Amino acid sequence: MSEPKTEPQTLDEMAAEADAIEAEQAGEGFDEIEALRAERDDFRDRFMRALADAENTRKRADRDRREAENYGGSKLARDLLPVYDNLRRALQTVTDEQKEAQAALIEGIELTMRELITVFKKHGVEPIVPEVGDRFDPQTHQAMFEAPVPGTKAGDIIQVMTEGFFLHDRLLRPAQVGVSSTPAS
């Protein structure tokens, strides 16, 4: 601010001095407005980042919940696979004479097996059932041995020991197979 002059001023001088004072005050107000705008922009930026973080956290939590829902029972399912294998082996070894003599027992084992398969399907556990002659797929099969077998090509499945299983789209257990190592002729 300028100091008031002690001598009498003309009207033009007084108007010029008033304009100078007004311009000085307007400059201070302009600086204050710019500072407020910068602060507003900073708050807006922080708000948008916090909003994006909250959305990302929500999406991550939703994905984690879905994965826990789909794959949380994988340990239990994996522990039940030997039960399935044993029931399957028991049913495969039953002879016709045993079926006649122990019809109720065999029927009970078959019902238990069907119920286990139903529960597996209900929870997204699907079998991988390779056939003899199929091509070996390292993504779904585990080679337990290799042997040269006439009439086959290298990489053909020659024996199936155990079925494999998927839990939804993840491999729970690979199918255990024997693979031909017959060289190409």
N, C-alpha and C. Protein backbone atom coordinates (compact mmCIF):
# COMPACT_ATOMS: atom_id res chain seq x y z
N MET A 1 0.83 -1.17 0.00
CA MET A 1 0.00 0.00 0.00
C MET A 1 0.87 1.24 0.00
N SER A 2 0.47 2.21 -0.75
CA SER A 2 1.28 3.43 -0.78
C SER A 2 0.81 4.39 0.29
N GLU A 3 1.70 5.23 0.67
CA GLU A 3 1.40 6.18 1.74
C GLU A 3 0.63 7.36 1.16
N PRO A 4 -0.36 7.85 1.89
CA PRO A 4 -1.11 9.00 1.37
C PRO A 4 -0.19 10.23 1.29
N LYS A 5 -0.39 10.99 0.22
CA LYS A 5 0.42 12.19 0.04
C LYS A 5 -0.11 13.31 0.95
N THR A 6 0.76 14.12 1.37
CA THR A 6 0.37 15.17 2.30
C THR A 6 -0.13 16.41 1.58
N GLU A 7 0.26 16.60 0.38
CA GLU A 7 -0.18 17.79 -0.33
C GLU A 7 -1.48 17.53 -1.04
N PRO A 8 -2.24 18.55 -1.31
CA PRO A 8 -3.52 18.36 -1.97
C PRO A 8 -3.33 17.77 -3.37
N GLN A 9 -4.23 16.86 -3.71
CA GLN A 9 -4.13 16.15 -4.98
C GLN A 9 -5.23 16.61 -5.92
N THR A 10 -4.92 16.39 -7.18
CA THR A 10 -5.94 16.68 -8.17
C THR A 10 -6.86 15.47 -8.26
N LEU A 11 -7.93 15.68 -8.91
CA LEU A 11 -8.91 14.61 -9.06
C LEU A 11 -8.30 13.45 -9.86
N ASP A 12 -7.52 13.74 -10.87
CA ASP A 12 -6.89 12.69 -11.67
C ASP A 12 -5.88 11.91 -10.85
N GLU A 13 -5.12 12.60 -10.02
CA GLU A 13 -4.14 11.92 -9.17
C GLU A 13 -4.83 11.01 -8.18
N MET A 14 -5.93 11.51 -7.61
CA MET A 14 -6.68 10.70 -6.64
C MET A 14 -7.26 9.45 -7.32
N ALA A 15 -7.75 9.57 -8.55
CA ALA A 15 -8.30 8.43 -9.28
C ALA A 15 -7.20 7.43 -9.60
N ALA A 16 -6.03 7.92 -9.98
CA ALA A 16 -4.91 7.04 -10.30
C ALA A 16 -4.46 6.29 -9.06
N GLU A 17 -4.41 7.00 -7.92
CA GLU A 17 -4.01 6.36 -6.66
C GLU A 17 -5.05 5.31 -6.26
N ALA A 18 -6.33 5.59 -6.44
CA ALA A 18 -7.39 4.64 -6.12
C ALA A 18 -7.27 3.41 -7.02
N ASP A 19 -6.99 3.65 -8.31
CA ASP A 19 -6.80 2.53 -9.24
C ASP A 19 -5.62 1.67 -8.82
N ALA A 20 -4.54 2.29 -8.39
CA ALA A 20 -3.34 1.55 -7.97
C ALA A 20 -3.65 0.71 -6.73
N ILE A 21 -4.37 1.29 -5.78
CA ILE A 21 -4.74 0.55 -4.55
C ILE A 21 -5.66 -0.62 -4.92
N GLU A 22 -6.61 -0.33 -5.80
CA GLU A 22 -7.56 -1.38 -6.21
C GLU A 22 -6.83 -2.51 -6.94
N ALA A 23 -5.89 -2.18 -7.82
CA ALA A 23 -5.14 -3.18 -8.56
C ALA A 23 -4.29 -4.02 -7.61
N GLU A 24 -3.70 -3.37 -6.60
CA GLU A 24 -2.88 -4.09 -5.62
C GLU A 24 -3.74 -5.08 -4.83
N GLN A 25 -4.94 -4.63 -4.43
CA GLN A 25 -5.84 -5.52 -3.69
C GLN A 25 -6.36 -6.65 -4.60
N ALA A 26 -6.62 -6.35 -5.86
CA ALA A 26 -7.07 -7.37 -6.80
C ALA A 26 -5.98 -8.41 -7.01
N GLY A 27 -4.73 -8.02 -7.06
CA GLY A 27 -3.61 -8.95 -7.19
C GLY A 27 -3.54 -9.89 -6.01
N GLU A 28 -3.73 -9.37 -4.81
CA GLU A 28 -3.73 -10.23 -3.62
C GLU A 28 -4.90 -11.20 -3.67
N GLY A 29 -6.06 -10.76 -4.09
CA GLY A 29 -7.24 -11.62 -4.21
C GLY A 29 -7.04 -12.67 -5.29
N PHE A 30 -6.38 -12.29 -6.39
CA PHE A 30 -6.11 -13.22 -7.48
C PHE A 30 -5.20 -14.35 -7.00
N ASP A 31 -4.15 -13.98 -6.25
CA ASP A 31 -3.23 -14.99 -5.71
C ASP A 31 -3.97 -15.94 -4.78
N GLU A 32 -4.87 -15.41 -3.98
CA GLU A 32 -5.64 -16.23 -3.05
C GLU A 32 -6.57 -17.18 -3.82
N ILE A 33 -7.20 -16.69 -4.88
CA ILE A 33 -8.08 -17.52 -5.71
C ILE A 33 -7.28 -18.64 -6.37
N GLU A 34 -6.11 -18.32 -6.89
CA GLU A 34 -5.26 -19.34 -7.51
C GLU A 34 -4.83 -20.40 -6.49
N ALA A 35 -4.52 -19.98 -5.28
CA ALA A 35 -4.14 -20.94 -4.23
C ALA A 35 -5.32 -21.85 -3.90
N LEU A 36 -6.52 -21.29 -3.84
CA LEU A 36 -7.71 -22.10 -3.56
C LEU A 36 -7.99 -23.07 -4.71
N ARG A 37 -7.79 -22.62 -5.94
CA ARG A 37 -7.98 -23.51 -7.09
C ARG A 37 -6.98 -24.67 -7.05
N ALA A 38 -5.74 -24.39 -6.74
CA ALA A 38 -4.72 -25.44 -6.66
C ALA A 38 -5.07 -26.43 -5.55
N GLU A 39 -5.52 -25.91 -4.43
CA GLU A 39 -5.91 -26.78 -3.31
C GLU A 39 -7.12 -27.65 -3.71
N ARG A 40 -8.08 -27.03 -4.41
CA ARG A 40 -9.25 -27.77 -4.89
C ARG A 40 -8.83 -28.89 -5.85
N ASP A 41 -7.93 -28.59 -6.77
CA ASP A 41 -7.46 -29.59 -7.73
C ASP A 41 -6.73 -30.72 -7.02
N ASP A 42 -5.95 -30.39 -6.00
CA ASP A 42 -5.24 -31.41 -5.21
C ASP A 42 -6.25 -32.32 -4.50
N PHE A 43 -7.28 -31.72 -3.90
CA PHE A 43 -8.31 -32.53 -3.22
C PHE A 43 -9.07 -33.41 -4.22
N ARG A 44 -9.37 -32.86 -5.40
CA ARG A 44 -10.07 -33.63 -6.42
C ARG A 44 -9.21 -34.82 -6.85
N ASP A 45 -7.91 -34.59 -7.05
CA ASP A 45 -7.00 -35.66 -7.44
C ASP A 45 -6.94 -36.75 -6.36
N ARG A 46 -6.81 -36.33 -5.11
CA ARG A 46 -6.79 -37.30 -4.00
C ARG A 46 -8.09 -38.09 -3.93
N PHE A 47 -9.21 -37.40 -4.11
CA PHE A 47 -10.52 -38.06 -4.07
C PHE A 47 -10.64 -39.10 -5.18
N MET A 48 -10.22 -38.74 -6.40
CA MET A 48 -10.31 -39.67 -7.52
C MET A 48 -9.41 -40.88 -7.29
N ARG A 49 -8.23 -40.67 -6.73
CA ARG A 49 -7.33 -41.80 -6.43
C ARG A 49 -7.95 -42.70 -5.35
N ALA A 50 -8.52 -42.10 -4.33
CA ALA A 50 -9.15 -42.88 -3.25
C ALA A 50 -10.34 -43.66 -3.81
N LEU A 51 -11.09 -43.05 -4.70
CA LEU A 51 -12.22 -43.73 -5.33
C LEU A 51 -11.75 -44.91 -6.17
N ALA A 52 -10.68 -44.71 -6.93
CA ALA A 52 -10.13 -45.80 -7.75
C ALA A 52 -9.58 -46.92 -6.86
N ASP A 53 -8.91 -46.56 -5.76
CA ASP A 53 -8.40 -47.57 -4.82
C ASP A 53 -9.55 -48.37 -4.22
N ALA A 54 -10.61 -47.69 -3.84
CA ALA A 54 -11.77 -48.38 -3.26
C ALA A 54 -12.39 -49.33 -4.28
N GLU A 55 -12.50 -48.92 -5.53
CA GLU A 55 -13.06 -49.78 -6.58
C GLU A 55 -12.16 -50.98 -6.82
N ASN A 56 -10.84 -50.78 -6.86
CA ASN A 56 -9.91 -51.89 -7.05
C ASN A 56 -9.98 -52.86 -5.88
N THR A 57 -10.11 -52.35 -4.67
CA THR A 57 -10.23 -53.21 -3.49
C THR A 57 -11.52 -54.01 -3.54
N ARG A 58 -12.60 -53.39 -3.97
CA ARG A 58 -13.87 -54.10 -4.10
C ARG A 58 -13.76 -55.22 -5.12
N LYS A 59 -13.15 -54.93 -6.28
CA LYS A 59 -13.00 -55.95 -7.32
C LYS A 59 -12.12 -57.10 -6.84
N ARG A 60 -11.02 -56.77 -6.14
CA ARG A 60 -10.12 -57.80 -5.63
C ARG A 60 -10.83 -58.67 -4.60
N ALA A 61 -11.60 -58.05 -3.72
CA ALA A 61 -12.33 -58.81 -2.70
C ALA A 61 -13.38 -59.70 -3.35
N ASP A 62 -14.03 -59.21 -4.40
CA ASP A 62 -15.03 -60.00 -5.11
C ASP A 62 -14.37 -61.20 -5.79
N ARG A 63 -13.22 -60.97 -6.42
CA ARG A 63 -12.49 -62.07 -7.07
C ARG A 63 -12.02 -63.08 -6.03
N ASP A 64 -11.48 -62.61 -4.90
CA ASP A 64 -11.03 -63.51 -3.83
C ASP A 64 -12.19 -64.33 -3.27
N ARG A 65 -13.35 -63.71 -3.14
CA ARG A 65 -14.54 -64.42 -2.64
C ARG A 65 -14.95 -65.52 -3.61
N ARG A 66 -14.97 -65.19 -4.92
CA ARG A 66 -15.33 -66.19 -5.93
C ARG A 66 -14.33 -67.36 -5.94
N GLU A 67 -13.04 -67.04 -5.84
CA GLU A 67 -12.03 -68.10 -5.82
C GLU A 67 -12.17 -68.97 -4.58
N ALA A 68 -12.43 -68.36 -3.44
CA ALA A 68 -12.61 -69.14 -2.21
C ALA A 68 -13.84 -70.02 -2.33
N GLU A 69 -14.88 -69.50 -2.95
CA GLU A 69 -16.11 -70.27 -3.14
C GLU A 69 -15.87 -71.46 -4.06
N ASN A 70 -15.14 -71.24 -5.16
CA ASN A 70 -14.90 -72.29 -6.14
C ASN A 70 -13.81 -73.27 -5.74
N TYR A 71 -12.75 -72.77 -5.11
CA TYR A 71 -11.58 -73.61 -4.89
C TYR A 71 -11.26 -73.84 -3.42
N GLY A 72 -12.08 -73.31 -2.53
CA GLY A 72 -11.82 -73.47 -1.09
C GLY A 72 -11.90 -74.92 -0.64
N GLY A 73 -12.68 -75.73 -1.32
CA GLY A 73 -12.82 -77.14 -0.94
C GLY A 73 -11.86 -78.06 -1.65
N SER A 74 -10.83 -77.51 -2.28
CA SER A 74 -9.93 -78.36 -3.07
C SER A 74 -9.18 -79.36 -2.20
N LYS A 75 -8.81 -78.99 -0.99
CA LYS A 75 -8.10 -79.93 -0.11
C LYS A 75 -9.01 -81.10 0.26
N LEU A 76 -10.25 -80.81 0.61
CA LEU A 76 -11.20 -81.87 0.94
C LEU A 76 -11.46 -82.76 -0.28
N ALA A 77 -11.65 -82.14 -1.44
CA ALA A 77 -11.89 -82.91 -2.65
C ALA A 77 -10.70 -83.81 -2.96
N ARG A 78 -9.49 -83.27 -2.82
CA ARG A 78 -8.28 -84.05 -3.07
C ARG A 78 -8.20 -85.23 -2.09
N ASP A 79 -8.61 -85.00 -0.84
CA ASP A 79 -8.58 -86.07 0.17
C ASP A 79 -9.64 -87.14 -0.11
N LEU A 80 -10.71 -86.80 -0.82
CA LEU A 80 -11.76 -87.77 -1.14
C LEU A 80 -11.45 -88.61 -2.39
N LEU A 81 -10.48 -88.19 -3.18
CA LEU A 81 -10.17 -88.92 -4.41
C LEU A 81 -9.74 -90.37 -4.15
N PRO A 82 -8.94 -90.67 -3.12
CA PRO A 82 -8.62 -92.08 -2.85
C PRO A 82 -9.85 -92.91 -2.49
N VAL A 83 -10.85 -92.31 -1.87
CA VAL A 83 -12.09 -93.01 -1.57
C VAL A 83 -12.76 -93.41 -2.90
N TYR A 84 -12.81 -92.47 -3.84
CA TYR A 84 -13.37 -92.75 -5.16
C TYR A 84 -12.59 -93.89 -5.84
N ASP A 85 -11.25 -93.77 -5.81
CA ASP A 85 -10.41 -94.80 -6.44
C ASP A 85 -10.67 -96.18 -5.83
N ASN A 86 -10.76 -96.26 -4.51
CA ASN A 86 -10.98 -97.55 -3.85
C ASN A 86 -12.36 -98.13 -4.17
N LEU A 87 -13.39 -97.29 -4.18
CA LEU A 87 -14.71 -97.77 -4.56
C LEU A 87 -14.71 -98.28 -6.00
N ARG A 88 -14.06 -97.55 -6.89
CA ARG A 88 -13.99 -97.96 -8.30
C ARG A 88 -13.27 -99.30 -8.44
N ARG A 89 -12.13 -99.44 -7.74
CA ARG A 89 -11.40 -100.71 -7.79
C ARG A 89 -12.25 -101.85 -7.24
N ALA A 90 -12.95 -101.59 -6.15
CA ALA A 90 -13.80 -102.63 -5.55
C ALA A 90 -14.87 -103.08 -6.55
N LEU A 91 -15.48 -102.14 -7.23
CA LEU A 91 -16.52 -102.51 -8.20
C LEU A 91 -15.94 -103.22 -9.42
N GLN A 92 -14.72 -102.86 -9.82
CA GLN A 92 -14.11 -103.50 -10.99
C GLN A 92 -13.68 -104.94 -10.69
N THR A 93 -13.41 -105.26 -9.45
CA THR A 93 -12.94 -106.61 -9.12
C THR A 93 -14.07 -107.58 -8.78
N VAL A 94 -15.29 -107.10 -8.71
CA VAL A 94 -16.41 -107.96 -8.36
C VAL A 94 -16.68 -108.94 -9.51
N THR A 95 -16.77 -110.21 -9.17
CA THR A 95 -17.08 -111.25 -10.17
C THR A 95 -18.59 -111.46 -10.24
N ASP A 96 -19.02 -112.17 -11.27
CA ASP A 96 -20.45 -112.45 -11.42
C ASP A 96 -20.97 -113.31 -10.25
N GLU A 97 -20.15 -114.23 -9.79
CA GLU A 97 -20.55 -115.07 -8.65
C GLU A 97 -20.75 -114.23 -7.39
N GLN A 98 -19.84 -113.27 -7.19
CA GLN A 98 -19.97 -112.39 -6.02
C GLN A 98 -21.21 -111.51 -6.14
N LYS A 99 -21.50 -111.07 -7.37
CA LYS A 99 -22.70 -110.24 -7.58
C LYS A 99 -23.95 -111.00 -7.18
N GLU A 100 -24.00 -112.30 -7.49
CA GLU A 100 -25.17 -113.11 -7.14
C GLU A 100 -25.22 -113.37 -5.64
N ALA A 101 -24.07 -113.70 -5.05
CA ALA A 101 -24.04 -114.06 -3.63
C ALA A 101 -24.20 -112.85 -2.72
N GLN A 102 -23.64 -111.71 -3.13
CA GLN A 102 -23.65 -110.52 -2.28
C GLN A 102 -24.33 -109.34 -2.99
N ALA A 103 -25.46 -109.57 -3.57
CA ALA A 103 -26.14 -108.55 -4.38
C ALA A 103 -26.41 -107.27 -3.60
N ALA A 104 -26.87 -107.39 -2.37
CA ALA A 104 -27.19 -106.20 -1.57
C ALA A 104 -25.92 -105.39 -1.24
N LEU A 105 -24.83 -106.08 -0.91
CA LEU A 105 -23.57 -105.40 -0.60
C LEU A 105 -23.03 -104.67 -1.83
N ILE A 106 -23.03 -105.34 -2.96
CA ILE A 106 -22.54 -104.74 -4.20
C ILE A 106 -23.41 -103.55 -4.59
N GLU A 107 -24.71 -103.69 -4.43
CA GLU A 107 -25.62 -102.59 -4.74
C GLU A 107 -25.34 -101.39 -3.83
N GLY A 108 -25.05 -101.66 -2.56
CA GLY A 108 -24.71 -100.59 -1.62
C GLY A 108 -23.44 -99.86 -2.02
N ILE A 109 -22.45 -100.60 -2.49
CA ILE A 109 -21.19 -99.98 -2.95
C ILE A 109 -21.46 -99.14 -4.20
N GLU A 110 -22.28 -99.68 -5.12
CA GLU A 110 -22.61 -98.92 -6.33
C GLU A 110 -23.36 -97.64 -6.00
N LEU A 111 -24.30 -97.71 -5.07
CA LEU A 111 -25.05 -96.51 -4.66
C LEU A 111 -24.13 -95.49 -4.01
N THR A 112 -23.20 -95.96 -3.18
CA THR A 112 -22.24 -95.06 -2.54
C THR A 112 -21.38 -94.37 -3.60
N MET A 113 -20.95 -95.13 -4.60
CA MET A 113 -20.14 -94.57 -5.68
C MET A 113 -20.93 -93.52 -6.46
N ARG A 114 -22.19 -93.84 -6.79
CA ARG A 114 -23.02 -92.86 -7.53
C ARG A 114 -23.23 -91.59 -6.71
N GLU A 115 -23.44 -91.73 -5.41
CA GLU A 115 -23.63 -90.56 -4.54
C GLU A 115 -22.37 -89.71 -4.48
N LEU A 116 -21.22 -90.36 -4.40
CA LEU A 116 -19.94 -89.63 -4.39
C LEU A 116 -19.76 -88.87 -5.70
N ILE A 117 -20.07 -89.49 -6.81
CA ILE A 117 -19.96 -88.83 -8.12
C ILE A 117 -20.93 -87.64 -8.19
N THR A 118 -22.14 -87.80 -7.66
CA THR A 118 -23.12 -86.71 -7.64
C THR A 118 -22.61 -85.53 -6.81
N VAL A 119 -22.05 -85.81 -5.66
CA VAL A 119 -21.50 -84.75 -4.80
C VAL A 119 -20.33 -84.07 -5.50
N PHE A 120 -19.46 -84.85 -6.14
CA PHE A 120 -18.34 -84.26 -6.89
C PHE A 120 -18.86 -83.30 -7.95
N LYS A 121 -19.83 -83.72 -8.73
CA LYS A 121 -20.37 -82.86 -9.80
C LYS A 121 -21.01 -81.60 -9.23
N LYS A 122 -21.72 -81.77 -8.12
CA LYS A 122 -22.38 -80.62 -7.49
C LYS A 122 -21.37 -79.55 -7.09
N HIS A 123 -20.16 -79.98 -6.74
CA HIS A 123 -19.14 -79.04 -6.29
C HIS A 123 -18.07 -78.76 -7.35
N GLY A 124 -18.35 -79.11 -8.60
CA GLY A 124 -17.45 -78.75 -9.69
C GLY A 124 -16.28 -79.68 -9.89
N VAL A 125 -16.30 -80.88 -9.31
CA VAL A 125 -15.22 -81.85 -9.51
C VAL A 125 -15.62 -82.75 -10.68
N GLU A 126 -14.85 -82.65 -11.77
CA GLU A 126 -15.16 -83.41 -12.98
C GLU A 126 -14.01 -84.36 -13.29
N PRO A 127 -14.32 -85.60 -13.68
CA PRO A 127 -13.25 -86.57 -13.96
C PRO A 127 -12.57 -86.33 -15.30
N ILE A 128 -11.31 -86.73 -15.36
CA ILE A 128 -10.56 -86.78 -16.61
C ILE A 128 -10.41 -88.28 -16.88
N VAL A 129 -11.06 -88.77 -17.92
CA VAL A 129 -11.09 -90.20 -18.19
C VAL A 129 -10.41 -90.48 -19.53
N PRO A 130 -9.08 -90.65 -19.52
CA PRO A 130 -8.40 -90.98 -20.78
C PRO A 130 -8.69 -92.42 -21.18
N GLU A 131 -8.58 -92.69 -22.45
CA GLU A 131 -8.80 -94.04 -22.98
C GLU A 131 -7.48 -94.54 -23.56
N VAL A 132 -7.32 -95.85 -23.56
CA VAL A 132 -6.16 -96.45 -24.21
C VAL A 132 -6.19 -96.05 -25.68
N GLY A 133 -5.07 -95.57 -26.18
CA GLY A 133 -4.98 -95.10 -27.57
C GLY A 133 -5.03 -93.59 -27.70
N ASP A 134 -5.51 -92.88 -26.67
CA ASP A 134 -5.50 -91.41 -26.71
C ASP A 134 -4.06 -90.92 -26.68
N ARG A 135 -3.88 -89.67 -27.10
CA ARG A 135 -2.55 -89.06 -27.03
C ARG A 135 -2.28 -88.57 -25.61
N PHE A 136 -1.05 -88.71 -25.18
CA PHE A 136 -0.63 -88.22 -23.86
C PHE A 136 -0.65 -86.70 -23.88
N ASP A 137 -1.28 -86.11 -22.86
CA ASP A 137 -1.35 -84.66 -22.71
C ASP A 137 -0.73 -84.30 -21.37
N PRO A 138 0.45 -83.70 -21.36
CA PRO A 138 1.11 -83.39 -20.08
C PRO A 138 0.34 -82.40 -19.21
N GLN A 139 -0.65 -81.72 -19.78
CA GLN A 139 -1.46 -80.78 -19.00
C GLN A 139 -2.47 -81.51 -18.12
N THR A 140 -2.88 -82.71 -18.53
CA THR A 140 -3.92 -83.44 -17.78
C THR A 140 -3.51 -84.86 -17.40
N HIS A 141 -2.38 -85.33 -17.91
CA HIS A 141 -1.95 -86.70 -17.63
C HIS A 141 -0.58 -86.70 -16.94
N GLN A 142 -0.35 -87.73 -16.14
CA GLN A 142 0.95 -87.95 -15.52
C GLN A 142 1.44 -89.32 -15.99
N ALA A 143 2.59 -89.33 -16.68
CA ALA A 143 3.14 -90.59 -17.18
C ALA A 143 3.78 -91.34 -16.01
N MET A 144 3.28 -92.55 -15.74
CA MET A 144 3.81 -93.37 -14.65
C MET A 144 4.91 -94.30 -15.16
N PHE A 145 4.85 -94.66 -16.44
CA PHE A 145 5.89 -95.48 -17.04
C PHE A 145 5.81 -95.34 -18.55
N GLU A 146 6.89 -95.76 -19.22
CA GLU A 146 6.92 -95.82 -20.67
C GLU A 146 7.30 -97.24 -21.04
N ALA A 147 6.71 -97.74 -22.11
CA ALA A 147 7.02 -99.08 -22.58
C ALA A 147 6.79 -99.15 -24.08
N PRO A 148 7.64 -99.87 -24.79
CA PRO A 148 7.41 -100.05 -26.23
C PRO A 148 6.30 -101.08 -26.44
N VAL A 149 5.27 -100.69 -27.14
CA VAL A 149 4.16 -101.59 -27.42
C VAL A 149 3.94 -101.60 -28.92
N PRO A 150 4.02 -102.79 -29.55
CA PRO A 150 3.82 -102.87 -31.00
C PRO A 150 2.43 -102.36 -31.37
N GLY A 151 2.36 -101.69 -32.50
CA GLY A 151 1.07 -101.20 -33.00
C GLY A 151 0.67 -99.85 -32.43
N THR A 152 1.55 -99.22 -31.66
CA THR A 152 1.26 -97.90 -31.10
C THR A 152 2.33 -96.92 -31.54
N LYS A 153 2.05 -95.65 -31.38
CA LYS A 153 3.02 -94.60 -31.67
C LYS A 153 3.52 -94.04 -30.34
N ALA A 154 4.72 -93.50 -30.34
CA ALA A 154 5.27 -92.88 -29.14
C ALA A 154 4.32 -91.78 -28.70
N GLY A 155 3.98 -91.77 -27.41
CA GLY A 155 3.08 -90.76 -26.88
C GLY A 155 1.65 -91.21 -26.77
N ASP A 156 1.34 -92.41 -27.22
CA ASP A 156 -0.02 -92.95 -27.07
C ASP A 156 -0.17 -93.53 -25.67
N ILE A 157 -1.35 -93.39 -25.11
CA ILE A 157 -1.64 -93.98 -23.80
C ILE A 157 -1.87 -95.48 -24.00
N ILE A 158 -1.15 -96.29 -23.21
CA ILE A 158 -1.29 -97.74 -23.33
C ILE A 158 -1.96 -98.36 -22.11
N GLN A 159 -2.04 -97.60 -21.00
CA GLN A 159 -2.73 -98.10 -19.81
C GLN A 159 -3.16 -96.90 -18.96
N VAL A 160 -4.32 -97.03 -18.31
CA VAL A 160 -4.82 -96.00 -17.40
C VAL A 160 -4.86 -96.59 -16.00
N MET A 161 -4.07 -95.99 -15.08
CA MET A 161 -4.06 -96.48 -13.70
C MET A 161 -5.15 -95.81 -12.86
N THR A 162 -5.18 -94.50 -12.90
CA THR A 162 -6.21 -93.77 -12.16
C THR A 162 -6.72 -92.61 -13.01
N GLU A 163 -7.97 -92.29 -12.80
CA GLU A 163 -8.55 -91.14 -13.48
C GLU A 163 -8.03 -89.87 -12.83
N GLY A 164 -8.03 -88.79 -13.60
CA GLY A 164 -7.68 -87.49 -13.06
C GLY A 164 -8.94 -86.68 -12.80
N PHE A 165 -8.77 -85.51 -12.20
CA PHE A 165 -9.94 -84.69 -11.89
C PHE A 165 -9.60 -83.20 -12.02
N PHE A 166 -10.59 -82.47 -12.50
CA PHE A 166 -10.57 -81.01 -12.49
C PHE A 166 -11.47 -80.53 -11.38
N LEU A 167 -11.11 -79.42 -10.75
CA LEU A 167 -12.01 -78.70 -9.85
C LEU A 167 -12.32 -77.40 -10.59
N HIS A 168 -13.50 -77.33 -11.16
CA HIS A 168 -13.90 -76.26 -12.08
C HIS A 168 -12.91 -76.25 -13.24
N ASP A 169 -12.06 -75.23 -13.36
CA ASP A 169 -11.12 -75.19 -14.48
C ASP A 169 -9.68 -75.46 -14.05
N ARG A 170 -9.48 -75.87 -12.81
CA ARG A 170 -8.13 -76.17 -12.30
C ARG A 170 -7.92 -77.67 -12.16
N LEU A 171 -6.70 -78.08 -12.46
CA LEU A 171 -6.37 -79.49 -12.34
C LEU A 171 -6.25 -79.85 -10.86
N LEU A 172 -7.06 -80.79 -10.43
CA LEU A 172 -7.02 -81.26 -9.05
C LEU A 172 -6.02 -82.41 -8.93
N ARG A 173 -6.09 -83.35 -9.89
CA ARG A 173 -5.14 -84.45 -9.93
C ARG A 173 -5.05 -84.92 -11.38
N PRO A 174 -3.83 -85.10 -11.90
CA PRO A 174 -3.72 -85.60 -13.28
C PRO A 174 -4.06 -87.08 -13.34
N ALA A 175 -4.53 -87.52 -14.48
CA ALA A 175 -4.78 -88.94 -14.70
C ALA A 175 -3.42 -89.64 -14.79
N GLN A 176 -3.29 -90.76 -14.12
CA GLN A 176 -2.02 -91.50 -14.13
C GLN A 176 -2.11 -92.57 -15.21
N VAL A 177 -1.16 -92.48 -16.17
CA VAL A 177 -1.22 -93.34 -17.34
C VAL A 177 0.15 -93.92 -17.67
N GLY A 178 0.12 -95.03 -18.44
CA GLY A 178 1.31 -95.57 -19.05
C GLY A 178 1.35 -95.09 -20.48
N VAL A 179 2.57 -94.81 -20.98
CA VAL A 179 2.70 -94.21 -22.30
C VAL A 179 3.62 -95.07 -23.17
N SER A 180 3.28 -95.19 -24.43
CA SER A 180 4.08 -95.95 -25.38
C SER A 180 5.36 -95.19 -25.71
N SER A 181 6.44 -95.94 -25.79
CA SER A 181 7.72 -95.34 -26.20
C SER A 181 8.20 -95.95 -27.50
N THR A 182 7.28 -96.55 -28.24
CA THR A 182 7.63 -97.19 -29.50
C THR A 182 8.19 -96.13 -30.45
N PRO A 183 9.40 -96.32 -30.95
CA PRO A 183 9.96 -95.33 -31.87
C PRO A 183 9.21 -95.35 -33.20
N ALA A 184 9.19 -94.22 -33.84
CA ALA A 184 8.52 -94.10 -35.14
C ALA A 184 9.28 -94.95 -36.15
N SER A 185 8.54 -95.67 -37.00
CA SER A 185 9.19 -96.54 -38.00
C SER A 185 9.27 -95.87 -39.32
